[in-house]
Amino acid sequence: MVFPFKYLSMSIGGNPRRVEFWKLIIEKIKSRLSTWKGKTLFMARRICLIKFVLTALSLFYFSFFKASSFVCNMIRKIQAKFLWGWGFDGRKIAWVAWDKMCSPIEVGGLE
């Protein structure tokens, strides 16, 4: 076999400290979100999609490789854009800080 190769849609033998290694994963996360999903889903459904699909997909890859803070921020940015109006033209308004959104429900967040 030639390194790097793919196994379960994950690159084996690559360097996880490079951003190029994570581009496939970031594109996979973006592909889960099509433009029509953001336009037709209510806020609660977008939150559920972020919590159960996008976070689980990220955690699958993070369980094998340690991601840099740059990659984590890129994924967090994709999630925030989807929550506050994926696919809408113009400027999007974030009504609540992302840190507040990620806090537990008991504290007033949405997790």
Protein backbone atom coordinates (compact mmCIF):
# COMPACT_ATOMS: atom_id res chain seq x y z
CA MET A 1 0.00 0.00 0.00
CA VAL A 2 1.01 3.56 -0.57
CA PHE A 3 0.76 6.09 2.24
CA PRO A 4 -1.47 8.00 2.83
CA PHE A 5 -4.47 5.82 2.05
CA LYS A 6 -8.14 6.05 2.97
CA TYR A 7 -9.91 3.75 5.40
CA LEU A 8 -13.51 4.49 6.43
CA SER A 9 -13.21 7.82 4.61
CA MET A 10 -10.30 8.79 6.83
CA SER A 11 -6.77 9.43 5.64
CA ILE A 12 -4.31 7.03 7.26
CA GLY A 13 -0.62 7.87 7.21
CA GLY A 14 -0.99 11.61 6.69
CA ASN A 15 0.26 14.36 8.95
CA PRO A 16 -2.62 15.61 11.18
CA ARG A 17 -0.62 18.72 12.09
CA ARG A 18 -1.08 20.06 8.56
CA VAL A 19 -4.22 21.86 7.45
CA GLU A 20 -4.27 19.91 4.16
CA PHE A 21 -4.88 16.73 6.15
CA TRP A 22 -8.13 18.17 7.54
CA LYS A 23 -9.45 19.70 4.28
CA LEU A 24 -11.27 16.50 3.33
CA ILE A 25 -12.96 16.38 6.73
CA ILE A 26 -13.96 20.04 6.59
CA GLU A 27 -15.37 19.55 3.10
CA LYS A 28 -17.32 16.55 4.36
CA ILE A 29 -18.82 18.67 7.14
CA LYS A 30 -19.74 21.38 4.62
CA SER A 31 -21.28 18.81 2.29
CA ARG A 32 -23.65 17.68 5.05
CA LEU A 33 -25.08 21.19 4.96
CA SER A 34 -26.67 22.11 1.71
CA THR A 35 -28.08 25.55 1.04
CA TRP A 36 -31.68 24.39 1.16
CA LYS A 37 -31.31 22.89 4.63
CA GLY A 38 -30.41 26.22 6.16
CA LYS A 39 -33.26 28.02 4.44
CA THR A 40 -36.00 25.56 5.32
CA LEU A 41 -35.11 24.52 8.86
CA PHE A 42 -36.27 26.31 11.97
CA MET A 43 -33.72 27.34 14.60
CA ALA A 44 -34.41 24.36 16.88
CA ARG A 45 -33.89 21.92 14.02
CA ARG A 46 -30.64 23.61 13.02
CA ILE A 47 -29.43 23.24 16.61
CA CYS A 48 -30.32 19.54 16.59
CA LEU A 49 -28.49 19.05 13.30
CA ILE A 50 -25.39 20.75 14.70
CA LYS A 51 -25.53 18.80 17.96
CA PHE A 52 -26.15 15.34 16.61
CA VAL A 53 -24.68 15.23 13.12
CA LEU A 54 -21.90 17.77 12.79
CA THR A 55 -20.54 17.36 16.30
CA ALA A 56 -20.60 13.57 16.05
CA LEU A 57 -18.81 13.69 12.72
CA SER A 58 -16.11 15.93 14.18
CA LEU A 59 -15.71 13.78 17.26
CA PHE A 60 -15.23 10.68 15.13
CA TYR A 61 -12.15 12.20 13.54
CA PHE A 62 -10.94 13.83 16.76
CA SER A 63 -10.96 10.44 18.46
CA PHE A 64 -8.17 9.33 16.14
CA PHE A 65 -6.17 12.52 15.56
CA LYS A 66 -5.47 15.65 17.56
CA ALA A 67 -6.65 18.68 15.64
CA SER A 68 -5.01 22.06 15.77
CA SER A 69 -6.86 25.06 17.15
CA PHE A 70 -7.08 26.42 13.59
CA VAL A 71 -9.05 23.37 12.43
CA CYS A 72 -11.32 23.51 15.49
CA ASN A 73 -12.02 27.18 14.81
CA MET A 74 -12.85 26.42 11.17
CA ILE A 75 -15.36 23.76 12.22
CA ARG A 76 -16.83 26.08 14.85
CA LYS A 77 -17.18 28.80 12.20
CA ILE A 78 -19.04 26.42 9.86
CA GLN A 79 -21.41 25.48 12.67
CA ALA A 80 -22.05 29.12 13.60
CA LYS A 81 -22.70 30.13 9.98
CA PHE A 82 -25.18 27.31 9.60
CA LEU A 83 -26.98 28.20 12.81
CA TRP A 84 -27.34 31.89 12.04
CA GLY A 85 -28.51 31.62 8.45
CA TRP A 86 -26.74 29.22 6.12
CA GLY A 87 -27.53 30.05 2.52
CA PHE A 88 -29.09 33.45 3.14
CA ASP A 89 -27.70 36.40 1.23
CA GLY A 90 -26.43 39.42 3.04
CA ARG A 91 -25.13 39.88 6.54
CA LYS A 92 -26.12 37.44 9.24
CA ILE A 93 -26.73 38.54 12.80
CA ALA A 94 -25.59 36.36 15.68
CA TRP A 95 -28.15 37.07 18.39
CA VAL A 96 -26.31 35.13 21.09
CA ALA A 97 -22.57 34.61 21.63
CA TRP A 98 -21.28 31.21 20.52
CA ASP A 99 -19.86 30.47 23.98
CA LYS A 100 -23.31 31.02 25.48
CA MET A 101 -24.82 28.73 22.83
CA CYS A 102 -22.43 25.92 23.75
CA SER A 103 -23.08 26.13 27.49
CA PRO A 104 -25.40 23.59 29.19
CA ILE A 105 -29.18 24.11 29.27
CA GLU A 106 -29.13 24.48 33.05
CA VAL A 107 -26.92 27.56 32.70
CA GLY A 108 -29.02 29.05 29.91
CA GLY A 109 -27.32 27.63 26.82
CA LEU A 110 -28.64 25.30 24.15
CA GLU A 111 -26.48 22.19 24.71
